[in-house]
Amino acid sequence: ATGLAAVQPPAPPTDHAGLRNVAYAFQWWIFAAFTLWMWA
């Protein structure tokens, strides 16, 4: 735009791809806790 300073567009919103991997992460951590619980 003539005579105006450019405005930097805000960063795009986060695309939460791979949510299945988050579920896998929690599964592994639950298994870890279950292993220690079983020993106790």
PDB file of all heavy atoms in Angstrom:
ATOM      1  N   ALA A   1       0.838  -1.191   0.000  1.00  0.00           N
ATOM      2  CA  ALA A   1       0.000   0.000   0.000  1.00  0.00           C
ATOM      3  C   ALA A   1       0.878   1.249   0.000  1.00  0.00           C
ATOM      4  O   ALA A   1       1.840   1.345   0.774  1.00  0.00           O
ATOM      5  CB  ALA A   1      -0.906  -0.006   1.234  1.00  0.00           C
ATOM      6  N   THR A   2       0.574   2.204  -0.860  1.00  0.00           N
ATOM      7  CA  THR A   2       1.382   3.411  -1.016  1.00  0.00           C
ATOM      8  C   THR A   2       1.424   4.219   0.275  1.00  0.00           C
ATOM      9  O   THR A   2       0.381   4.578   0.830  1.00  0.00           O
ATOM     10  CB  THR A   2       0.823   4.286  -2.140  1.00  0.00           C
ATOM     11  OG1 THR A   2       0.731   3.507  -3.329  1.00  0.00           O
ATOM     12  CG2 THR A   2       1.718   5.485  -2.369  1.00  0.00           C
ATOM     13  N   GLY A   3       2.646   4.467   0.754  1.00  0.00           N
ATOM     14  CA  GLY A   3       2.838   5.340   1.901  1.00  0.00           C
ATOM     15  C   GLY A   3       2.563   4.713   3.248  1.00  0.00           C
ATOM     16  O   GLY A   3       2.782   5.355   4.280  1.00  0.00           O
ATOM     17  N   LEU A   4       2.096   3.492   3.295  1.00  0.00           N
ATOM     18  CA  LEU A   4       1.791   2.834   4.562  1.00  0.00           C
ATOM     19  C   LEU A   4       2.859   1.797   4.903  1.00  0.00           C
ATOM     20  O   LEU A   4       3.418   1.151   4.005  1.00  0.00           O
ATOM     21  CB  LEU A   4       0.430   2.144   4.501  1.00  0.00           C
ATOM     22  CG  LEU A   4      -0.797   3.023   4.228  1.00  0.00           C
ATOM     23  CD1 LEU A   4      -2.037   2.163   4.171  1.00  0.00           C
ATOM     24  CD2 LEU A   4      -0.935   4.103   5.290  1.00  0.00           C
ATOM     25  N   ALA A   5       3.141   1.653   6.188  1.00  0.00           N
ATOM     26  CA  ALA A   5       4.061   0.611   6.623  1.00  0.00           C
ATOM     27  C   ALA A   5       3.344  -0.728   6.560  1.00  0.00           C
ATOM     28  O   ALA A   5       2.157  -0.830   6.902  1.00  0.00           O
ATOM     29  CB  ALA A   5       4.542   0.896   8.038  1.00  0.00           C
ATOM     30  N   ALA A   6       4.052  -1.749   6.114  1.00  0.00           N
ATOM     31  CA  ALA A   6       3.440  -3.070   5.966  1.00  0.00           C
ATOM     32  C   ALA A   6       3.103  -3.653   7.337  1.00  0.00           C
ATOM     33  O   ALA A   6       3.822  -3.446   8.322  1.00  0.00           O
ATOM     34  CB  ALA A   6       4.380  -4.008   5.225  1.00  0.00           C
ATOM     35  N   VAL A   7       2.006  -4.364   7.378  1.00  0.00           N
ATOM     36  CA  VAL A   7       1.594  -5.077   8.590  1.00  0.00           C
ATOM     37  C   VAL A   7       1.936  -6.548   8.418  1.00  0.00           C
ATOM     38  O   VAL A   7       1.573  -7.169   7.407  1.00  0.00           O
ATOM     39  CB  VAL A   7       0.082  -4.916   8.842  1.00  0.00           C
ATOM     40  CG1 VAL A   7      -0.371  -5.827   9.980  1.00  0.00           C
ATOM     41  CG2 VAL A   7      -0.252  -3.461   9.154  1.00  0.00           C
ATOM     42  N   GLN A   8       2.652  -7.082   9.388  1.00  0.00           N
ATOM     43  CA  GLN A   8       3.019  -8.495   9.330  1.00  0.00           C
ATOM     44  C   GLN A   8       1.831  -9.341   9.776  1.00  0.00           C
ATOM     45  O   GLN A   8       1.331  -9.184  10.881  1.00  0.00           O
ATOM     46  CB  GLN A   8       4.213  -8.771  10.260  1.00  0.00           C
ATOM     47  CG  GLN A   8       4.723 -10.201  10.214  1.00  0.00           C
ATOM     48  CD  GLN A   8       5.327 -10.567   8.862  1.00  0.00           C
ATOM     49  OE1 GLN A   8       5.888  -9.719   8.173  1.00  0.00           O
ATOM     50  NE2 GLN A   8       5.202 -11.821   8.487  1.00  0.00           N
ATOM     51  N   PRO A   9       1.341 -10.237   8.911  1.00  0.00           N
ATOM     52  CA  PRO A   9       0.203 -11.070   9.321  1.00  0.00           C
ATOM     53  C   PRO A   9       0.563 -11.911  10.540  1.00  0.00           C
ATOM     54  O   PRO A   9       1.703 -12.381  10.672  1.00  0.00           O
ATOM     55  CB  PRO A   9      -0.042 -11.964   8.097  1.00  0.00           C
ATOM     56  CG  PRO A   9       0.591 -11.241   6.954  1.00  0.00           C
ATOM     57  CD  PRO A   9       1.770 -10.518   7.536  1.00  0.00           C
ATOM     58  N   PRO A  10      -0.371 -12.085  11.457  1.00  0.00           N
ATOM     59  CA  PRO A  10      -0.100 -12.951  12.611  1.00  0.00           C
ATOM     60  C   PRO A  10       0.233 -14.366  12.172  1.00  0.00           C
ATOM     61  O   PRO A  10      -0.141 -14.801  11.075  1.00  0.00           O
ATOM     62  CB  PRO A  10      -1.424 -12.914  13.401  1.00  0.00           C
ATOM     63  CG  PRO A  10      -2.147 -11.704  12.888  1.00  0.00           C
ATOM     64  CD  PRO A  10      -1.723 -11.522  11.472  1.00  0.00           C
ATOM     65  N   ALA A  11       0.946 -15.071  13.027  1.00  0.00           N
ATOM     66  CA  ALA A  11       1.264 -16.466  12.721  1.00  0.00           C
ATOM     67  C   ALA A  11      -0.024 -17.264  12.591  1.00  0.00           C
ATOM     68  O   ALA A  11      -0.993 -17.020  13.312  1.00  0.00           O
ATOM     69  CB  ALA A  11       2.137 -17.053  13.825  1.00  0.00           C
ATOM     70  N   PRO A  12      -0.071 -18.213  11.663  1.00  0.00           N
ATOM     71  CA  PRO A  12      -1.294 -19.011  11.503  1.00  0.00           C
ATOM     72  C   PRO A  12      -1.558 -19.829  12.753  1.00  0.00           C
ATOM     73  O   PRO A  12      -0.636 -20.154  13.508  1.00  0.00           O
ATOM     74  CB  PRO A  12      -0.974 -19.907  10.301  1.00  0.00           C
ATOM     75  CG  PRO A  12       0.519 -19.969  10.254  1.00  0.00           C
ATOM     76  CD  PRO A  12       0.998 -18.639  10.743  1.00  0.00           C
ATOM     77  N   PRO A  13      -2.817 -20.165  12.999  1.00  0.00           N
ATOM     78  CA  PRO A  13      -3.135 -20.988  14.172  1.00  0.00           C
ATOM     79  C   PRO A  13      -2.504 -22.364  14.047  1.00  0.00           C
ATOM     80  O   PRO A  13      -2.210 -22.840  12.946  1.00  0.00           O
ATOM     81  CB  PRO A  13      -4.665 -21.060  14.147  1.00  0.00           C
ATOM     82  CG  PRO A  13      -5.028 -20.826  12.715  1.00  0.00           C
ATOM     83  CD  PRO A  13      -4.001 -19.866  12.187  1.00  0.00           C
ATOM     84  N   THR A  14      -2.313 -22.993  15.177  1.00  0.00           N
ATOM     85  CA  THR A  14      -1.678 -24.302  15.195  1.00  0.00           C
ATOM     86  C   THR A  14      -2.590 -25.357  14.600  1.00  0.00           C
ATOM     87  O   THR A  14      -3.749 -25.481  14.987  1.00  0.00           O
ATOM     88  CB  THR A  14      -1.306 -24.696  16.631  1.00  0.00           C
ATOM     89  OG1 THR A  14      -0.425 -23.720  17.167  1.00  0.00           O
ATOM     90  CG2 THR A  14      -0.631 -26.052  16.669  1.00  0.00           C
ATOM     91  N   ASP A  15      -2.063 -26.103  13.641  1.00  0.00           N
ATOM     92  CA  ASP A  15      -2.780 -27.260  13.098  1.00  0.00           C
ATOM     93  C   ASP A  15      -2.369 -28.485  13.914  1.00  0.00           C
ATOM     94  O   ASP A  15      -1.225 -28.939  13.826  1.00  0.00           O
ATOM     95  CB  ASP A  15      -2.418 -27.485  11.623  1.00  0.00           C
ATOM     96  CG  ASP A  15      -3.232 -26.596  10.693  1.00  0.00           C
ATOM     97  OD1 ASP A  15      -4.322 -26.179  11.102  1.00  0.00           O
ATOM     98  OD2 ASP A  15      -2.766 -26.317   9.579  1.00  0.00           O
ATOM     99  N   HIS A  16      -3.284 -29.000  14.708  1.00  0.00           N
ATOM    100  CA  HIS A  16      -2.944 -30.106  15.597  1.00  0.00           C
ATOM    101  C   HIS A  16      -2.962 -31.421  14.821  1.00  0.00           C
ATOM    102  O   HIS A  16      -3.911 -32.200  14.897  1.00  0.00           O
ATOM    103  CB  HIS A  16      -3.915 -30.158  16.772  1.00  0.00           C
ATOM    104  CG  HIS A  16      -3.807 -28.972  17.673  1.00  0.00           C
ATOM    105  ND1 HIS A  16      -2.781 -28.805  18.586  1.00  0.00           N
ATOM    106  CD2 HIS A  16      -4.573 -27.866  17.780  1.00  0.00           C
ATOM    107  CE1 HIS A  16      -2.927 -27.674  19.231  1.00  0.00           C
ATOM    108  NE2 HIS A  16      -4.011 -27.071  18.758  1.00  0.00           N
ATOM    109  N   ALA A  17      -1.899 -31.651  14.078  1.00  0.00           N
ATOM    110  CA  ALA A  17      -1.772 -32.890  13.321  1.00  0.00           C
ATOM    111  C   ALA A  17      -1.140 -33.969  14.207  1.00  0.00           C
ATOM    112  O   ALA A  17      -0.377 -33.684  15.125  1.00  0.00           O
ATOM    113  CB  ALA A  17      -0.901 -32.652  12.084  1.00  0.00           C
ATOM    114  N   GLY A  18      -1.472 -35.223  13.930  1.00  0.00           N
ATOM    115  CA  GLY A  18      -0.855 -36.329  14.660  1.00  0.00           C
ATOM    116  C   GLY A  18      -1.360 -36.487  16.079  1.00  0.00           C
ATOM    117  O   GLY A  18      -0.596 -36.897  16.968  1.00  0.00           O
ATOM    118  N   LEU A  19      -2.631 -36.183  16.335  1.00  0.00           N
ATOM    119  CA  LEU A  19      -3.171 -36.337  17.692  1.00  0.00           C
ATOM    120  C   LEU A  19      -3.118 -37.789  18.165  1.00  0.00           C
ATOM    121  O   LEU A  19      -3.076 -38.049  19.366  1.00  0.00           O
ATOM    122  CB  LEU A  19      -4.619 -35.829  17.738  1.00  0.00           C
ATOM    123  CG  LEU A  19      -4.785 -34.308  17.690  1.00  0.00           C
ATOM    124  CD1 LEU A  19      -6.260 -33.940  17.610  1.00  0.00           C
ATOM    125  CD2 LEU A  19      -4.142 -33.652  18.897  1.00  0.00           C
ATOM    126  N   ARG A  20      -3.092 -38.716  17.231  1.00  0.00           N
ATOM    127  CA  ARG A  20      -2.972 -40.125  17.615  1.00  0.00           C
ATOM    128  C   ARG A  20      -1.669 -40.377  18.362  1.00  0.00           C
ATOM    129  O   ARG A  20      -1.616 -41.216  19.274  1.00  0.00           O
ATOM    130  CB  ARG A  20      -3.046 -41.004  16.368  1.00  0.00           C
ATOM    131  CG  ARG A  20      -2.994 -42.503  16.652  1.00  0.00           C
ATOM    132  CD  ARG A  20      -3.069 -43.311  15.378  1.00  0.00           C
ATOM    133  NE  ARG A  20      -4.319 -43.072  14.679  1.00  0.00           N
ATOM    134  CZ  ARG A  20      -4.625 -43.658  13.526  1.00  0.00           C
ATOM    135  NH1 ARG A  20      -3.765 -44.490  12.948  1.00  0.00           N
ATOM    136  NH2 ARG A  20      -5.782 -43.407  12.947  1.00  0.00           N
ATOM    137  N   ASN A  21      -0.625 -39.642  18.006  1.00  0.00           N
ATOM    138  CA  ASN A  21       0.657 -39.816  18.696  1.00  0.00           C
ATOM    139  C   ASN A  21       0.584 -39.366  20.148  1.00  0.00           C
ATOM    140  O   ASN A  21       1.286 -39.906  21.010  1.00  0.00           O
ATOM    141  CB  ASN A  21       1.761 -39.037  17.971  1.00  0.00           C
ATOM    142  CG  ASN A  21       1.991 -39.547  16.562  1.00  0.00           C
ATOM    143  OD1 ASN A  21       1.510 -38.967  15.593  1.00  0.00           O
ATOM    144  ND2 ASN A  21       2.714 -40.651  16.433  1.00  0.00           N
ATOM    145  N   VAL A  22      -0.256 -38.374  20.443  1.00  0.00           N
ATOM    146  CA  VAL A  22      -0.446 -37.958  21.833  1.00  0.00           C
ATOM    147  C   VAL A  22      -1.082 -39.089  22.628  1.00  0.00           C
ATOM    148  O   VAL A  22      -0.689 -39.374  23.771  1.00  0.00           O
ATOM    149  CB  VAL A  22      -1.310 -36.692  21.908  1.00  0.00           C
ATOM    150  CG1 VAL A  22      -1.591 -36.306  23.346  1.00  0.00           C
ATOM    151  CG2 VAL A  22      -0.623 -35.533  21.181  1.00  0.00           C
ATOM    152  N   ALA A  23      -2.076 -39.753  22.029  1.00  0.00           N
ATOM    153  CA  ALA A  23      -2.710 -40.891  22.697  1.00  0.00           C
ATOM    154  C   ALA A  23      -1.692 -42.005  22.938  1.00  0.00           C
ATOM    155  O   ALA A  23      -1.675 -42.624  24.014  1.00  0.00           O
ATOM    156  CB  ALA A  23      -3.880 -41.404  21.858  1.00  0.00           C
ATOM    157  N   TYR A  24      -0.831 -42.258  21.944  1.00  0.00           N
ATOM    158  CA  TYR A  24       0.209 -43.274  22.124  1.00  0.00           C
ATOM    159  C   TYR A  24       1.153 -42.905  23.268  1.00  0.00           C
ATOM    160  O   TYR A  24       1.573 -43.768  24.046  1.00  0.00           O
ATOM    161  CB  TYR A  24       1.006 -43.441  20.834  1.00  0.00           C
ATOM    162  CG  TYR A  24       0.249 -44.080  19.694  1.00  0.00           C
ATOM    163  CD1 TYR A  24       0.631 -43.879  18.376  1.00  0.00           C
ATOM    164  CD2 TYR A  24      -0.870 -44.874  19.934  1.00  0.00           C
ATOM    165  CE1 TYR A  24      -0.060 -44.457  17.326  1.00  0.00           C
ATOM    166  CE2 TYR A  24      -1.569 -45.460  18.887  1.00  0.00           C
ATOM    167  CZ  TYR A  24      -1.160 -45.242  17.585  1.00  0.00           C
ATOM    168  OH  TYR A  24      -1.852 -45.815  16.557  1.00  0.00           O
ATOM    169  N   ALA A  25       1.497 -41.624  23.363  1.00  0.00           N
ATOM    170  CA  ALA A  25       2.401 -41.179  24.428  1.00  0.00           C
ATOM    171  C   ALA A  25       1.802 -41.466  25.798  1.00  0.00           C
ATOM    172  O   ALA A  25       2.476 -42.004  26.685  1.00  0.00           O
ATOM    173  CB  ALA A  25       2.693 -39.687  24.272  1.00  0.00           C
ATOM    174  N   PHE A  26       0.522 -41.125  25.978  1.00  0.00           N
ATOM    175  CA  PHE A  26      -0.116 -41.373  27.274  1.00  0.00           C
ATOM    176  C   PHE A  26      -0.229 -42.872  27.552  1.00  0.00           C
ATOM    177  O   PHE A  26      -0.119 -43.307  28.696  1.00  0.00           O
ATOM    178  CB  PHE A  26      -1.493 -40.709  27.314  1.00  0.00           C
ATOM    179  CG  PHE A  26      -1.433 -39.241  27.637  1.00  0.00           C
ATOM    180  CD1 PHE A  26      -1.584 -38.294  26.642  1.00  0.00           C
ATOM    181  CD2 PHE A  26      -1.182 -38.809  28.931  1.00  0.00           C
ATOM    182  CE1 PHE A  26      -1.525 -36.935  26.933  1.00  0.00           C
ATOM    183  CE2 PHE A  26      -1.114 -37.454  29.224  1.00  0.00           C
ATOM    184  CZ  PHE A  26      -1.284 -36.518  28.232  1.00  0.00           C
ATOM    185  N   GLN A  27      -0.447 -43.670  26.505  1.00  0.00           N
ATOM    186  CA  GLN A  27      -0.499 -45.113  26.706  1.00  0.00           C
ATOM    187  C   GLN A  27       0.823 -45.642  27.229  1.00  0.00           C
ATOM    188  O   GLN A  27       0.861 -46.453  28.172  1.00  0.00           O
ATOM    189  CB  GLN A  27      -0.859 -45.810  25.393  1.00  0.00           C
ATOM    190  CG  GLN A  27      -2.317 -45.666  24.992  1.00  0.00           C
ATOM    191  CD  GLN A  27      -2.622 -46.369  23.682  1.00  0.00           C
ATOM    192  OE1 GLN A  27      -1.742 -46.936  23.043  1.00  0.00           O
ATOM    193  NE2 GLN A  27      -3.886 -46.325  23.270  1.00  0.00           N
ATOM    194  N   TRP A  28       1.918 -45.190  26.658  1.00  0.00           N
ATOM    195  CA  TRP A  28       3.226 -45.640  27.124  1.00  0.00           C
ATOM    196  C   TRP A  28       3.459 -45.240  28.576  1.00  0.00           C
ATOM    197  O   TRP A  28       3.981 -46.016  29.375  1.00  0.00           O
ATOM    198  CB  TRP A  28       4.327 -45.064  26.235  1.00  0.00           C
ATOM    199  CG  TRP A  28       4.522 -45.784  24.933  1.00  0.00           C
ATOM    200  CD1 TRP A  28       4.337 -45.290  23.682  1.00  0.00           C
ATOM    201  CD2 TRP A  28       4.956 -47.145  24.762  1.00  0.00           C
ATOM    202  NE1 TRP A  28       4.610 -46.238  22.735  1.00  0.00           N
ATOM    203  CE2 TRP A  28       5.010 -47.389  23.369  1.00  0.00           C
ATOM    204  CE3 TRP A  28       5.303 -48.161  25.631  1.00  0.00           C
ATOM    205  CZ2 TRP A  28       5.384 -48.617  22.848  1.00  0.00           C
ATOM    206  CZ3 TRP A  28       5.685 -49.393  25.110  1.00  0.00           C
ATOM    207  CH2 TRP A  28       5.720 -49.618  23.732  1.00  0.00           C
ATOM    208  N   TRP A  29       3.067 -44.019  28.937  1.00  0.00           N
ATOM    209  CA  TRP A  29       3.270 -43.563  30.316  1.00  0.00           C
ATOM    210  C   TRP A  29       2.375 -44.324  31.284  1.00  0.00           C
ATOM    211  O   TRP A  29       2.780 -44.606  32.423  1.00  0.00           O
ATOM    212  CB  TRP A  29       3.008 -42.062  30.409  1.00  0.00           C
ATOM    213  CG  TRP A  29       4.009 -41.256  29.639  1.00  0.00           C
ATOM    214  CD1 TRP A  29       5.292 -41.619  29.349  1.00  0.00           C
ATOM    215  CD2 TRP A  29       3.831 -39.978  29.037  1.00  0.00           C
ATOM    216  NE1 TRP A  29       5.924 -40.646  28.598  1.00  0.00           N
ATOM    217  CE2 TRP A  29       5.053 -39.624  28.394  1.00  0.00           C
ATOM    218  CE3 TRP A  29       2.765 -39.083  28.962  1.00  0.00           C
ATOM    219  CZ2 TRP A  29       5.228 -38.415  27.720  1.00  0.00           C
ATOM    220  CZ3 TRP A  29       2.927 -37.883  28.293  1.00  0.00           C
ATOM    221  CH2 TRP A  29       4.143 -37.562  27.683  1.00  0.00           C
ATOM    222  N   ILE A  30       1.176 -44.689  30.878  1.00  0.00           N
ATOM    223  CA  ILE A  30       0.304 -45.505  31.727  1.00  0.00           C
ATOM    224  C   ILE A  30       0.901 -46.892  31.918  1.00  0.00           C
ATOM    225  O   ILE A  30       0.887 -47.442  33.039  1.00  0.00           O
ATOM    226  CB  ILE A  30      -1.105 -45.587  31.111  1.00  0.00           C
ATOM    227  CG1 ILE A  30      -1.794 -44.209  31.191  1.00  0.00           C
ATOM    228  CG2 ILE A  30      -1.948 -46.637  31.825  1.00  0.00           C
ATOM    229  CD1 ILE A  30      -3.099 -44.133  30.422  1.00  0.00           C
ATOM    230  N   PHE A  31       1.444 -47.459  30.851  1.00  0.00           N
ATOM    231  CA  PHE A  31       2.092 -48.770  30.963  1.00  0.00           C
ATOM    232  C   PHE A  31       3.274 -48.712  31.926  1.00  0.00           C
ATOM    233  O   PHE A  31       3.506 -49.645  32.705  1.00  0.00           O
ATOM    234  CB  PHE A  31       2.559 -49.258  29.585  1.00  0.00           C
ATOM    235  CG  PHE A  31       1.442 -49.585  28.637  1.00  0.00           C
ATOM    236  CD1 PHE A  31       1.653 -49.549  27.262  1.00  0.00           C
ATOM    237  CD2 PHE A  31       0.179 -49.925  29.106  1.00  0.00           C
ATOM    238  CE1 PHE A  31       0.617 -49.847  26.384  1.00  0.00           C
ATOM    239  CE2 PHE A  31      -0.856 -50.221  28.232  1.00  0.00           C
ATOM    240  CZ  PHE A  31      -0.633 -50.190  26.870  1.00  0.00           C
ATOM    241  N   ALA A  32       4.041 -47.627  31.860  1.00  0.00           N
ATOM    242  CA  ALA A  32       5.193 -47.473  32.759  1.00  0.00           C
ATOM    243  C   ALA A  32       4.738 -47.428  34.211  1.00  0.00           C
ATOM    244  O   ALA A  32       5.311 -48.098  35.087  1.00  0.00           O
ATOM    245  CB  ALA A  32       5.963 -46.204  32.401  1.00  0.00           C
ATOM    246  N   ALA A  33       3.695 -46.643  34.481  1.00  0.00           N
ATOM    247  CA  ALA A  33       3.179 -46.558  35.850  1.00  0.00           C
ATOM    248  C   ALA A  33       2.612 -47.903  36.300  1.00  0.00           C
ATOM    249  O   ALA A  33       2.783 -48.312  37.462  1.00  0.00           O
ATOM    250  CB  ALA A  33       2.112 -45.468  35.930  1.00  0.00           C
ATOM    251  N   PHE A  34       1.949 -48.620  35.391  1.00  0.00           N
ATOM    252  CA  PHE A  34       1.372 -49.918  35.733  1.00  0.00           C
ATOM    253  C   PHE A  34       2.468 -50.925  36.076  1.00  0.00           C
ATOM    254  O   PHE A  34       2.295 -51.760  36.983  1.00  0.00           O
ATOM    255  CB  PHE A  34       0.533 -50.425  34.567  1.00  0.00           C
ATOM    256  CG  PHE A  34      -0.123 -51.754  34.816  1.00  0.00           C
ATOM    257  CD1 PHE A  34      -1.222 -51.837  35.652  1.00  0.00           C
ATOM    258  CD2 PHE A  34       0.366 -52.909  34.222  1.00  0.00           C
ATOM    259  CE1 PHE A  34      -1.835 -53.065  35.891  1.00  0.00           C
ATOM    260  CE2 PHE A  34      -0.241 -54.134  34.463  1.00  0.00           C
ATOM    261  CZ  PHE A  34      -1.342 -54.218  35.299  1.00  0.00           C
ATOM    262  N   THR A  35       3.595 -50.866  35.375  1.00  0.00           N
ATOM    263  CA  THR A  35       4.704 -51.772  35.662  1.00  0.00           C
ATOM    264  C   THR A  35       5.208 -51.589  37.092  1.00  0.00           C
ATOM    265  O   THR A  35       5.422 -52.569  37.831  1.00  0.00           O
ATOM    266  CB  THR A  35       5.850 -51.541  34.663  1.00  0.00           C
ATOM    267  OG1 THR A  35       5.381 -51.780  33.332  1.00  0.00           O
ATOM    268  CG2 THR A  35       7.030 -52.450  34.949  1.00  0.00           C
ATOM    269  N   LEU A  36       5.398 -50.348  37.506  1.00  0.00           N
ATOM    270  CA  LEU A  36       5.872 -50.083  38.863  1.00  0.00           C
ATOM    271  C   LEU A  36       4.798 -50.448  39.891  1.00  0.00           C
ATOM    272  O   LEU A  36       5.120 -50.953  40.984  1.00  0.00           O
ATOM    273  CB  LEU A  36       6.259 -48.614  38.998  1.00  0.00           C
ATOM    274  CG  LEU A  36       7.419 -48.165  38.103  1.00  0.00           C
ATOM    275  CD1 LEU A  36       7.674 -46.668  38.279  1.00  0.00           C
ATOM    276  CD2 LEU A  36       8.682 -48.957  38.418  1.00  0.00           C
ATOM    277  N   TRP A  37       3.539 -50.206  39.551  1.00  0.00           N
ATOM    278  CA  TRP A  37       2.459 -50.570  40.471  1.00  0.00           C
ATOM    279  C   TRP A  37       2.390 -52.076  40.673  1.00  0.00           C
ATOM    280  O   TRP A  37       2.176 -52.563  41.797  1.00  0.00           O
ATOM    281  CB  TRP A  37       1.131 -50.053  39.924  1.00  0.00           C
ATOM    282  CG  TRP A  37      -0.043 -50.422  40.798  1.00  0.00           C
ATOM    283  CD1 TRP A  37      -0.504 -49.762  41.891  1.00  0.00           C
ATOM    284  CD2 TRP A  37      -0.907 -51.553  40.611  1.00  0.00           C
ATOM    285  NE1 TRP A  37      -1.604 -50.402  42.414  1.00  0.00           N
ATOM    286  CE2 TRP A  37      -1.876 -51.509  41.646  1.00  0.00           C
ATOM    287  CE3 TRP A  37      -0.956 -52.589  39.678  1.00  0.00           C
ATOM    288  CZ2 TRP A  37      -2.881 -52.466  41.778  1.00  0.00           C
ATOM    289  CZ3 TRP A  37      -1.963 -53.543  39.798  1.00  0.00           C
ATOM    290  CH2 TRP A  37      -2.900 -53.480  40.838  1.00  0.00           C
ATOM    291  N   MET A  38       2.589 -52.832  39.589  1.00  0.00           N
ATOM    292  CA  MET A  38       2.567 -54.289  39.690  1.00  0.00           C
ATOM    293  C   MET A  38       3.692 -54.798  40.576  1.00  0.00           C
ATOM    294  O   MET A  38       3.501 -55.717  41.383  1.00  0.00           O
ATOM    295  CB  MET A  38       2.667 -54.918  38.293  1.00  0.00           C
ATOM    296  CG  MET A  38       1.363 -54.937  37.535  1.00  0.00           C
ATOM    297  SD  MET A  38       0.090 -55.927  38.352  1.00  0.00           S
ATOM    298  CE  MET A  38       0.862 -57.551  38.359  1.00  0.00           C
ATOM    299  N   TRP A  39       4.872 -54.189  40.454  1.00  0.00           N
ATOM    300  CA  TRP A  39       5.989 -54.608  41.323  1.00  0.00           C
ATOM    301  C   TRP A  39       5.629 -54.350  42.785  1.00  0.00           C
ATOM    302  O   TRP A  39       5.839 -55.225  43.642  1.00  0.00           O
ATOM    303  CB  TRP A  39       7.256 -53.833  40.943  1.00  0.00           C
ATOM    304  CG  TRP A  39       8.403 -54.131  41.875  1.00  0.00           C
ATOM    305  CD1 TRP A  39       9.308 -55.140  41.780  1.00  0.00           C
ATOM    306  CD2 TRP A  39       8.742 -53.390  43.053  1.00  0.00           C
ATOM    307  NE1 TRP A  39      10.189 -55.103  42.826  1.00  0.00           N
ATOM    308  CE2 TRP A  39       9.871 -54.036  43.627  1.00  0.00           C
ATOM    309  CE3 TRP A  39       8.214 -52.274  43.672  1.00  0.00           C
ATOM    310  CZ2 TRP A  39      10.465 -53.579  44.805  1.00  0.00           C
ATOM    311  CZ3 TRP A  39       8.806 -51.815  44.848  1.00  0.00           C
ATOM    312  CH2 TRP A  39       9.917 -52.463  45.399  1.00  0.00           C
ATOM    313  N   ALA A  40       5.088 -53.173  43.078  1.00  0.00           N
ATOM    314  CA  ALA A  40       4.720 -52.847  44.456  1.00  0.00           C
ATOM    315  C   ALA A  40       3.647 -53.803  44.976  1.00  0.00           C
ATOM    316  O   ALA A  40       3.695 -54.252  46.133  1.00  0.00           O
ATOM    317  CB  ALA A  40       4.236 -51.401  44.544  1.00  0.00           C
TER     318      ALA A  40
END
